[in-house]
Amino acid sequence: MDLTLTSEQDDLEHAVTRMLATAPDAWAGLAEMGLLGLGVPEADGGAGGTFADVFVVARALGRAGARTPYVEGVVGGHLLPGPAERLVVLAHDEPGRRWHPGAGVRAEPEPTGGTWRLTGTKEPVLHGAAADLLVVSATGPEGLALFVVDPADAAIHPYLSHDRSPTARIDLDRTPATLLAAPPHADELLTAASVRAVTAYGAEALGAMEDALDRTVAYLRTRHQFGVPLASFQALTHRAADAYVALELARSAVLYATACLAEDVVDPAVASRLKVQTGRAGRLIGQEAIQLHGGIGMTDEHAIGYVTARLEVIEHLWGDTGFHLQRLAAGLGDHGAVELLR
């Protein structure tokens, strides 16, 4: 399994980075470059490529701090293939469920016509107000299923999350819907969607952590205290070194998960290991970045505060560190008992 990027992917990253540095609208810039359908086969309306290409774009977005529905589009494009410019957003999270499988939204079939009616609430739904179509998970007579909903038929209440990313609460009251996947196929699609989402968000988090550490190291080298650069204080350089070690551990986890998806290997355990590494690393790097910047790191105007808030939001998407640790621990018994040597 190859964990290195090709020269074409390096060129892609440079091109996306240049675009993000100059384009006033990152989403429009990605569309102009034809990158919205990456990872989805061209036969299905996508731009082709592998998940390694998705990794390249997501990491560049993380480094630039761009607020786009790119990851949501990656996930939705696999669930409901179609034109790359069409934004399909998965609405799965619900208040109080804490990422556990299942859905509180209820689905009832109409007696005729093949239409379903959905009732319940989905929240938070990142970029839900910008969606052209919604894929909604709901519990029907036979179990968990996926449905396609026109946003115009739902009550969408947009707001900003604490990292200022657009999100929404979506209220459904006998909202008309079309069945996309019935049980048990819906569970398989949701599992694959969660692995793709965790990996793509992991790539974005990796870019954000790289940016945070670069900013922090540059600050330590240029900021003077007591007549010398902060980088001359050993205690501060050791803290930066610890952050670098955490970053490299996260990088390895993200690259491995990316390589798996690039070869069409969907493994929830790999995604969970990624989530644990990026969650821990993001918390450490964000906190150290603020501390090592001192008072200016606490201001809302400084970029380091946004980066830390974004890492915190990503850590809670599709299950936080504790959730994925529990999932990994639950699978330990699958490898048989180990007898101690005496």
C-alpha atoms as a PDB file:
ATOM      1  CA  MET A   1       0.000   0.000   0.000  1.00  0.00           C
ATOM      2  CA  ASP A   2       1.593   3.258  -1.201  1.00  0.00           C
ATOM      3  CA  LEU A   3       1.445   6.174   1.260  1.00  0.00           C
ATOM      4  CA  THR A   4       3.258   8.683  -0.974  1.00  0.00           C
ATOM      5  CA  LEU A   5       1.685  11.281  -3.255  1.00  0.00           C
ATOM      6  CA  THR A   6       2.394  11.322  -6.979  1.00  0.00           C
ATOM      7  CA  SER A   7       3.940  14.285  -8.795  1.00  0.00           C
ATOM      8  CA  GLU A   8       0.502  15.015 -10.297  1.00  0.00           C
ATOM      9  CA  GLN A   9      -1.013  15.193  -6.816  1.00  0.00           C
ATOM     10  CA  ASP A  10       1.794  17.499  -5.672  1.00  0.00           C
ATOM     11  CA  ASP A  11       0.983  19.750  -8.639  1.00  0.00           C
ATOM     12  CA  LEU A  12      -2.709  19.607  -7.710  1.00  0.00           C
ATOM     13  CA  GLU A  13      -1.935  20.702  -4.149  1.00  0.00           C
ATOM     14  CA  HIS A  14       0.160  23.639  -5.385  1.00  0.00           C
ATOM     15  CA  ALA A  15      -2.623  24.686  -7.771  1.00  0.00           C
ATOM     16  CA  VAL A  16      -5.309  24.539  -5.061  1.00  0.00           C
ATOM     17  CA  THR A  17      -3.070  26.431  -2.623  1.00  0.00           C
ATOM     18  CA  ARG A  18      -2.492  29.213  -5.173  1.00  0.00           C
ATOM     19  CA  MET A  19      -6.211  29.422  -5.908  1.00  0.00           C
ATOM     20  CA  LEU A  20      -7.128  29.643  -2.220  1.00  0.00           C
ATOM     21  CA  ALA A  21      -4.606  32.452  -1.700  1.00  0.00           C
ATOM     22  CA  THR A  22      -6.241  34.662  -4.336  1.00  0.00           C
ATOM     23  CA  ALA A  23      -9.833  33.567  -5.002  1.00  0.00           C
ATOM     24  CA  PRO A  24     -12.521  35.507  -3.097  1.00  0.00           C
ATOM     25  CA  ASP A  25     -14.832  32.460  -3.171  1.00  0.00           C
ATOM     26  CA  ALA A  26     -13.093  29.130  -2.460  1.00  0.00           C
ATOM     27  CA  TRP A  27     -16.142  27.053  -3.425  1.00  0.00           C
ATOM     28  CA  ALA A  28     -16.448  28.791  -6.792  1.00  0.00           C
ATOM     29  CA  GLY A  29     -12.710  28.364  -7.284  1.00  0.00           C
ATOM     30  CA  LEU A  30     -12.938  24.622  -6.669  1.00  0.00           C
ATOM     31  CA  ALA A  31     -15.828  24.401  -9.128  1.00  0.00           C
ATOM     32  CA  GLU A  32     -13.874  26.334 -11.764  1.00  0.00           C
ATOM     33  CA  MET A  33     -10.959  23.915 -11.353  1.00  0.00           C
ATOM     34  CA  GLY A  34     -13.313  20.939 -11.765  1.00  0.00           C
ATOM     35  CA  LEU A  35     -12.549  19.536  -8.311  1.00  0.00           C
ATOM     36  CA  LEU A  36     -16.037  19.170  -6.832  1.00  0.00           C
ATOM     37  CA  GLY A  37     -16.523  15.623  -8.091  1.00  0.00           C
ATOM     38  CA  LEU A  38     -13.119  14.198  -7.179  1.00  0.00           C
ATOM     39  CA  GLY A  39     -13.216  10.581  -6.108  1.00  0.00           C
ATOM     40  CA  VAL A  40     -16.542   9.943  -7.868  1.00  0.00           C
ATOM     41  CA  PRO A  41     -16.296   7.986 -11.175  1.00  0.00           C
ATOM     42  CA  GLU A  42     -16.757  10.048 -14.325  1.00  0.00           C
ATOM     43  CA  ALA A  43     -19.484   7.630 -15.439  1.00  0.00           C
ATOM     44  CA  ASP A  44     -21.518   8.766 -12.411  1.00  0.00           C
ATOM     45  CA  GLY A  45     -21.042  12.467 -13.162  1.00  0.00           C
ATOM     46  CA  GLY A  46     -17.921  12.943 -11.037  1.00  0.00           C
ATOM     47  CA  ALA A  47     -14.412  14.091 -11.893  1.00  0.00           C
ATOM     48  CA  GLY A  48     -12.761  10.697 -11.407  1.00  0.00           C
ATOM     49  CA  GLY A  49      -9.531  10.258  -9.500  1.00  0.00           C
ATOM     50  CA  THR A  50      -8.998   8.449  -6.213  1.00  0.00           C
ATOM     51  CA  PHE A  51      -9.440   9.362  -2.584  1.00  0.00           C
ATOM     52  CA  ALA A  52      -5.795  10.461  -2.537  1.00  0.00           C
ATOM     53  CA  ASP A  53      -6.889  13.408  -4.699  1.00  0.00           C
ATOM     54  CA  VAL A  54      -9.634  14.200  -2.182  1.00  0.00           C
ATOM     55  CA  PHE A  55      -6.973  14.148   0.555  1.00  0.00           C
ATOM     56  CA  VAL A  56      -4.856  16.681  -1.342  1.00  0.00           C
ATOM     57  CA  VAL A  57      -7.723  19.158  -1.719  1.00  0.00           C
ATOM     58  CA  ALA A  58      -9.039  18.713   1.839  1.00  0.00           C
ATOM     59  CA  ARG A  59      -5.591  19.249   3.384  1.00  0.00           C
ATOM     60  CA  ALA A  60      -5.091  22.403   1.316  1.00  0.00           C
ATOM     61  CA  LEU A  61      -8.488  23.688   2.500  1.00  0.00           C
ATOM     62  CA  GLY A  62      -7.464  23.003   6.093  1.00  0.00           C
ATOM     63  CA  ARG A  63      -4.196  24.898   5.715  1.00  0.00           C
ATOM     64  CA  ALA A  64      -6.021  27.873   4.193  1.00  0.00           C
ATOM     65  CA  GLY A  65      -8.837  27.856   6.762  1.00  0.00           C
ATOM     66  CA  ALA A  66     -11.409  27.897   3.954  1.00  0.00           C
ATOM     67  CA  ARG A  67     -15.046  27.383   4.929  1.00  0.00           C
ATOM     68  CA  THR A  68     -16.531  25.264   2.152  1.00  0.00           C
ATOM     69  CA  PRO A  69     -18.923  22.290   1.963  1.00  0.00           C
ATOM     70  CA  TYR A  70     -16.209  20.254   0.227  1.00  0.00           C
ATOM     71  CA  VAL A  71     -16.261  17.258   2.575  1.00  0.00           C
ATOM     72  CA  GLU A  72     -20.062  17.254   2.640  1.00  0.00           C
ATOM     73  CA  GLY A  73     -19.993  17.181  -1.168  1.00  0.00           C
ATOM     74  CA  VAL A  74     -17.541  14.269  -1.189  1.00  0.00           C
ATOM     75  CA  VAL A  75     -19.801  12.221   1.089  1.00  0.00           C
ATOM     76  CA  GLY A  76     -23.019  13.188  -0.671  1.00  0.00           C
ATOM     77  CA  GLY A  77     -21.546  12.575  -4.117  1.00  0.00           C
ATOM     78  CA  HIS A  78     -20.928   8.929  -3.241  1.00  0.00           C
ATOM     79  CA  LEU A  79     -24.384   8.460  -1.740  1.00  0.00           C
ATOM     80  CA  LEU A  80     -26.228  10.053  -4.646  1.00  0.00           C
ATOM     81  CA  PRO A  81     -23.994  10.341  -7.736  1.00  0.00           C
ATOM     82  CA  GLY A  82     -24.865  13.049 -10.220  1.00  0.00           C
ATOM     83  CA  PRO A  83     -23.610  16.362 -11.605  1.00  0.00           C
ATOM     84  CA  ALA A  84     -20.492  17.483  -9.742  1.00  0.00           C
ATOM     85  CA  GLU A  85     -21.898  21.009  -9.280  1.00  0.00           C
ATOM     86  CA  ARG A  86     -24.915  19.656  -7.379  1.00  0.00           C
ATOM     87  CA  LEU A  87     -24.369  19.722  -3.605  1.00  0.00           C
ATOM     88  CA  VAL A  88     -25.843  16.693  -1.846  1.00  0.00           C
ATOM     89  CA  VAL A  89     -25.644  16.893   1.961  1.00  0.00           C
ATOM     90  CA  LEU A  90     -26.185  13.959   4.311  1.00  0.00           C
ATOM     91  CA  ALA A  91     -28.433  14.797   7.277  1.00  0.00           C
ATOM     92  CA  HIS A  92     -27.757  12.086   9.850  1.00  0.00           C
ATOM     93  CA  ASP A  93     -26.901  13.647  13.226  1.00  0.00           C
ATOM     94  CA  GLU A  94     -29.720  14.241  15.697  1.00  0.00           C
ATOM     95  CA  PRO A  95     -29.892  16.023  19.057  1.00  0.00           C
ATOM     96  CA  GLY A  96     -29.102  13.693  21.950  1.00  0.00           C
ATOM     97  CA  ARG A  97     -28.049  10.620  19.955  1.00  0.00           C
ATOM     98  CA  ARG A  98     -24.267  11.176  20.328  1.00  0.00           C
ATOM     99  CA  TRP A  99     -23.324   9.513  17.024  1.00  0.00           C
ATOM    100  CA  HIS A 100     -24.871   6.140  17.835  1.00  0.00           C
ATOM    101  CA  PRO A 101     -26.406   4.261  14.892  1.00  0.00           C
ATOM    102  CA  GLY A 102     -30.085   4.551  14.212  1.00  0.00           C
ATOM    103  CA  ALA A 103     -32.338   7.512  13.622  1.00  0.00           C
ATOM    104  CA  GLY A 104     -35.088   9.156  15.625  1.00  0.00           C
ATOM    105  CA  VAL A 105     -36.653  10.579  12.476  1.00  0.00           C
ATOM    106  CA  ARG A 106     -39.603   8.384  11.526  1.00  0.00           C
ATOM    107  CA  ALA A 107     -40.487   7.349   7.972  1.00  0.00           C
ATOM    108  CA  GLU A 108     -44.018   6.392   6.959  1.00  0.00           C
ATOM    109  CA  PRO A 109     -44.906   5.113   3.477  1.00  0.00           C
ATOM    110  CA  GLU A 110     -47.790   6.645   1.557  1.00  0.00           C
ATOM    111  CA  PRO A 111     -50.468   4.124   0.555  1.00  0.00           C
ATOM    112  CA  THR A 112     -49.910   4.886  -3.142  1.00  0.00           C
ATOM    113  CA  GLY A 113     -47.298   6.493  -5.359  1.00  0.00           C
ATOM    114  CA  GLY A 114     -44.146   5.242  -3.638  1.00  0.00           C
ATOM    115  CA  THR A 115     -43.715   8.460  -1.631  1.00  0.00           C
ATOM    116  CA  TRP A 116     -42.636   8.488   2.009  1.00  0.00           C
ATOM    117  CA  ARG A 117     -43.266  11.021   4.762  1.00  0.00           C
ATOM    118  CA  LEU A 118     -40.517  11.923   7.265  1.00  0.00           C
ATOM    119  CA  THR A 119     -41.059  13.438  10.698  1.00  0.00           C
ATOM    120  CA  GLY A 120     -38.350  14.558  13.121  1.00  0.00           C
ATOM    121  CA  THR A 121     -35.306  16.818  13.471  1.00  0.00           C
ATOM    122  CA  LYS A 122     -31.765  16.658  12.101  1.00  0.00           C
ATOM    123  CA  GLU A 123     -29.113  18.794  13.798  1.00  0.00           C
ATOM    124  CA  PRO A 124     -26.391  19.823  13.267  1.00  0.00           C
ATOM    125  CA  VAL A 125     -26.273  19.616   9.485  1.00  0.00           C
ATOM    126  CA  LEU A 126     -23.189  21.407   8.209  1.00  0.00           C
ATOM    127  CA  HIS A 127     -23.932  23.477   5.107  1.00  0.00           C
ATOM    128  CA  GLY A 128     -27.483  22.159   5.199  1.00  0.00           C
ATOM    129  CA  ALA A 129     -28.916  25.473   4.012  1.00  0.00           C
ATOM    130  CA  ALA A 130     -26.711  25.377   0.886  1.00  0.00           C
ATOM    131  CA  ALA A 131     -27.745  21.863  -0.169  1.00  0.00           C
ATOM    132  CA  ASP A 132     -29.385  21.211  -3.510  1.00  0.00           C
ATOM    133  CA  LEU A 133     -30.607  17.853  -2.181  1.00  0.00           C
ATOM    134  CA  LEU A 134     -30.631  16.235   1.257  1.00  0.00           C
ATOM    135  CA  VAL A 135     -30.021  12.572   1.994  1.00  0.00           C
ATOM    136  CA  VAL A 136     -31.819  11.903   5.283  1.00  0.00           C
ATOM    137  CA  SER A 137     -31.504   8.836   7.493  1.00  0.00           C
ATOM    138  CA  ALA A 138     -34.774   7.707   9.049  1.00  0.00           C
ATOM    139  CA  THR A 139     -36.270   4.653  10.708  1.00  0.00           C
ATOM    140  CA  GLY A 140     -39.012   2.954   8.724  1.00  0.00           C
ATOM    141  CA  PRO A 141     -41.077  -0.189   9.271  1.00  0.00           C
ATOM    142  CA  GLU A 142     -38.111  -2.449   8.423  1.00  0.00           C
ATOM    143  CA  GLY A 143     -35.324  -0.444  10.058  1.00  0.00           C
ATOM    144  CA  LEU A 144     -32.852   2.276   9.135  1.00  0.00           C
ATOM    145  CA  ALA A 145     -33.198   3.626   5.593  1.00  0.00           C
ATOM    146  CA  LEU A 146     -31.966   6.566   3.528  1.00  0.00           C
ATOM    147  CA  PHE A 147     -34.248   9.030   1.769  1.00  0.00           C
ATOM    148  CA  VAL A 148     -33.810  11.912  -0.652  1.00  0.00           C
ATOM    149  CA  VAL A 149     -35.497  15.160   0.386  1.00  0.00           C
ATOM    150  CA  ASP A 150     -35.877  18.426  -1.508  1.00  0.00           C
ATOM    151  CA  PRO A 151     -34.684  21.201   0.869  1.00  0.00           C
ATOM    152  CA  ALA A 152     -37.587  23.357  -0.288  1.00  0.00           C
ATOM    153  CA  ASP A 153     -39.972  20.897   1.405  1.00  0.00           C
ATOM    154  CA  ALA A 154     -38.212  21.050   4.801  1.00  0.00           C
ATOM    155  CA  ALA A 155     -37.983  23.767   7.451  1.00  0.00           C
ATOM    156  CA  ILE A 156     -34.305  24.760   7.505  1.00  0.00           C
ATOM    157  CA  HIS A 157     -32.999  27.012  10.277  1.00  0.00           C
ATOM    158  CA  PRO A 158     -29.439  28.172   9.469  1.00  0.00           C
ATOM    159  CA  TYR A 159     -26.944  29.389  12.065  1.00  0.00           C
ATOM    160  CA  LEU A 160     -23.184  29.520  12.619  1.00  0.00           C
ATOM    161  CA  SER A 161     -21.264  26.975  14.667  1.00  0.00           C
ATOM    162  CA  HIS A 162     -18.643  28.221  17.129  1.00  0.00           C
ATOM    163  CA  ASP A 163     -15.966  28.138  14.404  1.00  0.00           C
ATOM    164  CA  ARG A 164     -18.322  30.278  12.280  1.00  0.00           C
ATOM    165  CA  SER A 165     -19.051  27.473   9.815  1.00  0.00           C
ATOM    166  CA  PRO A 166     -22.576  27.512   8.309  1.00  0.00           C
ATOM    167  CA  THR A 167     -24.765  24.812   9.816  1.00  0.00           C
ATOM    168  CA  ALA A 168     -28.471  24.242  10.245  1.00  0.00           C
ATOM    169  CA  ARG A 169     -31.298  22.549  12.084  1.00  0.00           C
ATOM    170  CA  ILE A 170     -33.678  20.765   9.736  1.00  0.00           C
ATOM    171  CA  ASP A 171     -37.227  20.140  10.928  1.00  0.00           C
ATOM    172  CA  LEU A 172     -39.297  17.547   9.083  1.00  0.00           C
ATOM    173  CA  ASP A 173     -43.069  17.380   9.511  1.00  0.00           C
ATOM    174  CA  ARG A 174     -44.492  14.707   7.232  1.00  0.00           C
ATOM    175  CA  THR A 175     -42.034  15.960   4.642  1.00  0.00           C
ATOM    176  CA  PRO A 176     -42.247  14.113   1.296  1.00  0.00           C
ATOM    177  CA  ALA A 177     -39.232  11.934   0.520  1.00  0.00           C
ATOM    178  CA  THR A 178     -38.043   9.346  -1.981  1.00  0.00           C
ATOM    179  CA  LEU A 179     -36.475   6.092  -0.820  1.00  0.00           C
ATOM    180  CA  LEU A 180     -32.761   5.888  -1.702  1.00  0.00           C
ATOM    181  CA  ALA A 181     -31.683   2.770   0.201  1.00  0.00           C
ATOM    182  CA  ALA A 182     -33.636   0.276   2.289  1.00  0.00           C
ATOM    183  CA  PRO A 183     -32.238  -1.932   5.067  1.00  0.00           C
ATOM    184  CA  PRO A 184     -29.660  -3.461   5.194  1.00  0.00           C
ATOM    185  CA  HIS A 185     -28.118  -1.594   2.241  1.00  0.00           C
ATOM    186  CA  ALA A 186     -28.640   1.722   4.027  1.00  0.00           C
ATOM    187  CA  ASP A 187     -26.382   0.600   6.888  1.00  0.00           C
ATOM    188  CA  GLU A 188     -23.638  -0.307   4.401  1.00  0.00           C
ATOM    189  CA  LEU A 189     -23.917   3.082   2.703  1.00  0.00           C
ATOM    190  CA  LEU A 190     -23.821   4.925   6.029  1.00  0.00           C
ATOM    191  CA  THR A 191     -20.763   2.970   7.155  1.00  0.00           C
ATOM    192  CA  ALA A 192     -18.931   3.844   3.942  1.00  0.00           C
ATOM    193  CA  ALA A 193     -20.074   7.467   4.239  1.00  0.00           C
ATOM    194  CA  SER A 194     -18.763   7.716   7.801  1.00  0.00           C
ATOM    195  CA  VAL A 195     -15.358   6.300   6.814  1.00  0.00           C
ATOM    196  CA  ARG A 196     -15.062   8.737   3.903  1.00  0.00           C
ATOM    197  CA  ALA A 197     -16.192  11.675   6.039  1.00  0.00           C
ATOM    198  CA  VAL A 198     -13.816  10.870   8.907  1.00  0.00           C
ATOM    199  CA  THR A 199     -10.895  10.474   6.499  1.00  0.00           C
ATOM    200  CA  ALA A 200     -11.634  13.654   4.541  1.00  0.00           C
ATOM    201  CA  TYR A 201     -12.130  15.657   7.730  1.00  0.00           C
ATOM    202  CA  GLY A 202      -8.910  14.090   9.008  1.00  0.00           C
ATOM    203  CA  ALA A 203      -7.103  15.474   5.957  1.00  0.00           C
ATOM    204  CA  GLU A 204      -8.602  18.915   6.609  1.00  0.00           C
ATOM    205  CA  ALA A 205      -7.581  18.688  10.272  1.00  0.00           C
ATOM    206  CA  LEU A 206      -4.059  17.697   9.224  1.00  0.00           C
ATOM    207  CA  GLY A 207      -3.798  20.831   7.092  1.00  0.00           C
ATOM    208  CA  ALA A 208      -5.131  22.975   9.940  1.00  0.00           C
ATOM    209  CA  MET A 209      -2.630  21.456  12.390  1.00  0.00           C
ATOM    210  CA  GLU A 210       0.227  22.067   9.948  1.00  0.00           C
ATOM    211  CA  ASP A 211      -0.862  25.690   9.646  1.00  0.00           C
ATOM    212  CA  ALA A 212      -1.160  26.116  13.423  1.00  0.00           C
ATOM    213  CA  LEU A 213       2.278  24.653  14.091  1.00  0.00           C
ATOM    214  CA  ASP A 214       3.909  26.670  11.292  1.00  0.00           C
ATOM    215  CA  ARG A 215       2.408  29.879  12.688  1.00  0.00           C
ATOM    216  CA  THR A 216       3.513  28.993  16.209  1.00  0.00           C
ATOM    217  CA  VAL A 217       7.106  28.152  15.266  1.00  0.00           C
ATOM    218  CA  ALA A 218       7.356  31.365  13.218  1.00  0.00           C
ATOM    219  CA  TYR A 219       6.054  33.343  16.206  1.00  0.00           C
ATOM    220  CA  LEU A 220       8.586  31.751  18.563  1.00  0.00           C
ATOM    221  CA  ARG A 221      11.390  32.667  16.178  1.00  0.00           C
ATOM    222  CA  THR A 222      10.371  36.296  15.653  1.00  0.00           C
ATOM    223  CA  ARG A 223       8.840  37.336  19.004  1.00  0.00           C
ATOM    224  CA  HIS A 224      11.428  38.637  21.474  1.00  0.00           C
ATOM    225  CA  GLN A 225      11.231  38.604  25.260  1.00  0.00           C
ATOM    226  CA  PHE A 226      13.990  39.703  27.629  1.00  0.00           C
ATOM    227  CA  GLY A 227      15.993  40.696  24.563  1.00  0.00           C
ATOM    228  CA  VAL A 228      16.063  37.239  22.950  1.00  0.00           C
ATOM    229  CA  PRO A 229      13.717  35.237  20.669  1.00  0.00           C
ATOM    230  CA  LEU A 230      11.165  33.056  22.442  1.00  0.00           C
ATOM    231  CA  ALA A 231      12.636  30.102  20.541  1.00  0.00           C
ATOM    232  CA  SER A 232      15.778  30.398  22.657  1.00  0.00           C
ATOM    233  CA  PHE A 233      13.855  29.200  25.723  1.00  0.00           C
ATOM    234  CA  GLN A 234      14.223  25.426  25.923  1.00  0.00           C
ATOM    235  CA  ALA A 235      10.904  24.865  27.693  1.00  0.00           C
ATOM    236  CA  LEU A 236       9.021  26.491  24.796  1.00  0.00           C
ATOM    237  CA  THR A 237      10.910  24.607  22.088  1.00  0.00           C
ATOM    238  CA  HIS A 238      10.187  21.322  23.887  1.00  0.00           C
ATOM    239  CA  ARG A 239       6.469  22.125  23.836  1.00  0.00           C
ATOM    240  CA  ALA A 240       6.667  22.872  20.117  1.00  0.00           C
ATOM    241  CA  ALA A 241       8.560  19.595  19.615  1.00  0.00           C
ATOM    242  CA  ASP A 242       5.817  17.661  21.431  1.00  0.00           C
ATOM    243  CA  ALA A 243       3.264  19.266  19.109  1.00  0.00           C
ATOM    244  CA  TYR A 244       5.354  18.226  16.098  1.00  0.00           C
ATOM    245  CA  VAL A 245       5.456  14.595  17.284  1.00  0.00           C
ATOM    246  CA  ALA A 246       1.659  14.620  17.688  1.00  0.00           C
ATOM    247  CA  LEU A 247       1.310  16.086  14.194  1.00  0.00           C
ATOM    248  CA  GLU A 248       3.415  13.335  12.633  1.00  0.00           C
ATOM    249  CA  LEU A 249       1.439  10.605  14.402  1.00  0.00           C
ATOM    250  CA  ALA A 250      -1.761  12.135  13.038  1.00  0.00           C
ATOM    251  CA  ARG A 251      -0.226  12.425   9.577  1.00  0.00           C
ATOM    252  CA  SER A 252       0.588   8.705   9.518  1.00  0.00           C
ATOM    253  CA  ALA A 253      -2.973   7.790  10.518  1.00  0.00           C
ATOM    254  CA  VAL A 254      -4.513  10.077   7.879  1.00  0.00           C
ATOM    255  CA  LEU A 255      -2.199   8.863   5.109  1.00  0.00           C
ATOM    256  CA  TYR A 256      -2.912   5.220   5.917  1.00  0.00           C
ATOM    257  CA  ALA A 257      -6.677   5.764   5.934  1.00  0.00           C
ATOM    258  CA  THR A 258      -6.385   7.675   2.653  1.00  0.00           C
ATOM    259  CA  ALA A 259      -4.362   4.865   1.068  1.00  0.00           C
ATOM    260  CA  CYS A 260      -7.016   2.349   2.145  1.00  0.00           C
ATOM    261  CA  LEU A 261      -9.842   4.329   0.531  1.00  0.00           C
ATOM    262  CA  ALA A 262      -7.734   4.945  -2.580  1.00  0.00           C
ATOM    263  CA  GLU A 263      -7.717   1.148  -2.989  1.00  0.00           C
ATOM    264  CA  ASP A 264     -11.464   0.911  -2.158  1.00  0.00           C
ATOM    265  CA  VAL A 265     -10.835  -0.624   1.279  1.00  0.00           C
ATOM    266  CA  VAL A 266     -13.533   0.670   3.646  1.00  0.00           C
ATOM    267  CA  ASP A 267     -12.500  -0.181   7.215  1.00  0.00           C
ATOM    268  CA  PRO A 268     -14.281   1.523  10.151  1.00  0.00           C
ATOM    269  CA  ALA A 269     -11.447   0.502  12.514  1.00  0.00           C
ATOM    270  CA  VAL A 270      -8.929   2.400  10.386  1.00  0.00           C
ATOM    271  CA  ALA A 271     -11.200   5.456  10.485  1.00  0.00           C
ATOM    272  CA  SER A 272     -11.524   5.166  14.268  1.00  0.00           C
ATOM    273  CA  ARG A 273      -7.753   5.028  14.717  1.00  0.00           C
ATOM    274  CA  LEU A 274      -7.466   8.121  12.548  1.00  0.00           C
ATOM    275  CA  LYS A 275     -10.116   9.908  14.614  1.00  0.00           C
ATOM    276  CA  VAL A 276      -8.344   9.134  17.883  1.00  0.00           C
ATOM    277  CA  GLN A 277      -4.972  10.346  16.590  1.00  0.00           C
ATOM    278  CA  THR A 278      -6.266  13.525  14.956  1.00  0.00           C
ATOM    279  CA  GLY A 279      -8.543  14.291  17.909  1.00  0.00           C
ATOM    280  CA  ARG A 280      -5.718  14.069  20.422  1.00  0.00           C
ATOM    281  CA  ALA A 281      -3.228  15.850  18.183  1.00  0.00           C
ATOM    282  CA  GLY A 282      -5.682  18.610  17.297  1.00  0.00           C
ATOM    283  CA  ARG A 283      -6.459  19.290  20.948  1.00  0.00           C
ATOM    284  CA  LEU A 284      -2.759  19.386  21.892  1.00  0.00           C
ATOM    285  CA  ILE A 285      -1.624  21.501  18.941  1.00  0.00           C
ATOM    286  CA  GLY A 286      -4.508  23.950  19.260  1.00  0.00           C
ATOM    287  CA  GLN A 287      -3.981  24.471  22.979  1.00  0.00           C
ATOM    288  CA  GLU A 288      -0.199  24.794  22.649  1.00  0.00           C
ATOM    289  CA  ALA A 289      -0.566  27.217  19.745  1.00  0.00           C
ATOM    290  CA  ILE A 290      -2.732  29.523  21.849  1.00  0.00           C
ATOM    291  CA  GLN A 291      -0.492  29.213  24.916  1.00  0.00           C
ATOM    292  CA  LEU A 292       2.748  29.815  23.005  1.00  0.00           C
ATOM    293  CA  HIS A 293       1.262  32.847  21.256  1.00  0.00           C
ATOM    294  CA  GLY A 294       0.409  34.336  24.637  1.00  0.00           C
ATOM    295  CA  GLY A 295      -2.313  36.959  24.965  1.00  0.00           C
ATOM    296  CA  ILE A 296      -2.643  37.589  21.236  1.00  0.00           C
ATOM    297  CA  GLY A 297      -3.618  33.952  20.751  1.00  0.00           C
ATOM    298  CA  MET A 298      -6.758  34.576  22.822  1.00  0.00           C
ATOM    299  CA  THR A 299      -8.071  37.323  20.545  1.00  0.00           C
ATOM    300  CA  ASP A 300     -10.851  36.626  18.085  1.00  0.00           C
ATOM    301  CA  GLU A 301      -9.005  38.507  15.356  1.00  0.00           C
ATOM    302  CA  HIS A 302      -5.970  36.214  15.378  1.00  0.00           C
ATOM    303  CA  ALA A 303      -6.036  33.271  12.963  1.00  0.00           C
ATOM    304  CA  ILE A 304      -4.824  30.798  15.584  1.00  0.00           C
ATOM    305  CA  GLY A 305      -8.117  31.065  17.459  1.00  0.00           C
ATOM    306  CA  TYR A 306     -10.112  30.114  14.367  1.00  0.00           C
ATOM    307  CA  VAL A 307      -7.796  27.181  13.610  1.00  0.00           C
ATOM    308  CA  THR A 308      -8.230  25.853  17.150  1.00  0.00           C
ATOM    309  CA  ALA A 309     -12.009  26.253  16.979  1.00  0.00           C
ATOM    310  CA  ARG A 310     -12.095  24.451  13.636  1.00  0.00           C
ATOM    311  CA  LEU A 311     -10.057  21.559  15.022  1.00  0.00           C
ATOM    312  CA  GLU A 312     -12.491  21.342  17.934  1.00  0.00           C
ATOM    313  CA  VAL A 313     -15.472  21.174  15.566  1.00  0.00           C
ATOM    314  CA  ILE A 314     -13.844  18.495  13.399  1.00  0.00           C
ATOM    315  CA  GLU A 315     -13.049  16.456  16.514  1.00  0.00           C
ATOM    316  CA  HIS A 316     -16.785  16.237  17.259  1.00  0.00           C
ATOM    317  CA  LEU A 317     -17.942  15.350  13.738  1.00  0.00           C
ATOM    318  CA  TRP A 318     -18.855  11.690  13.183  1.00  0.00           C
ATOM    319  CA  GLY A 319     -17.924  10.771  16.744  1.00  0.00           C
ATOM    320  CA  ASP A 320     -15.397  12.299  19.116  1.00  0.00           C
ATOM    321  CA  THR A 321     -12.206  10.716  20.435  1.00  0.00           C
ATOM    322  CA  GLY A 322     -13.968   8.951  23.307  1.00  0.00           C
ATOM    323  CA  PHE A 323     -16.616   7.464  21.016  1.00  0.00           C
ATOM    324  CA  HIS A 324     -14.015   5.999  18.661  1.00  0.00           C
ATOM    325  CA  LEU A 325     -11.857   4.725  21.521  1.00  0.00           C
ATOM    326  CA  GLN A 326     -14.882   2.816  22.804  1.00  0.00           C
ATOM    327  CA  ARG A 327     -15.516   1.414  19.334  1.00  0.00           C
ATOM    328  CA  LEU A 328     -11.912   0.243  19.034  1.00  0.00           C
ATOM    329  CA  ALA A 329     -12.007  -1.261  22.519  1.00  0.00           C
ATOM    330  CA  ALA A 330     -15.199  -3.153  21.683  1.00  0.00           C
ATOM    331  CA  GLY A 331     -13.366  -4.892  18.846  1.00  0.00           C
ATOM    332  CA  LEU A 332     -10.425  -6.076  20.929  1.00  0.00           C
ATOM    333  CA  GLY A 333     -12.170  -9.325  21.808  1.00  0.00           C
ATOM    334  CA  ASP A 334     -12.332 -10.254  18.128  1.00  0.00           C
ATOM    335  CA  HIS A 335      -8.683 -11.332  18.168  1.00  0.00           C
ATOM    336  CA  GLY A 336      -8.994 -14.142  20.693  1.00  0.00           C
ATOM    337  CA  ALA A 337      -7.612 -14.543  24.183  1.00  0.00           C
ATOM    338  CA  VAL A 338      -3.937 -14.039  24.962  1.00  0.00           C
ATOM    339  CA  GLU A 339      -2.248 -16.237  27.547  1.00  0.00           C
ATOM    340  CA  LEU A 340       0.537 -14.716  29.602  1.00  0.00           C
ATOM    341  CA  LEU A 341       3.923 -16.426  29.551  1.00  0.00           C
ATOM    342  CA  ARG A 342       4.902 -17.757  32.958  1.00  0.00           C
END
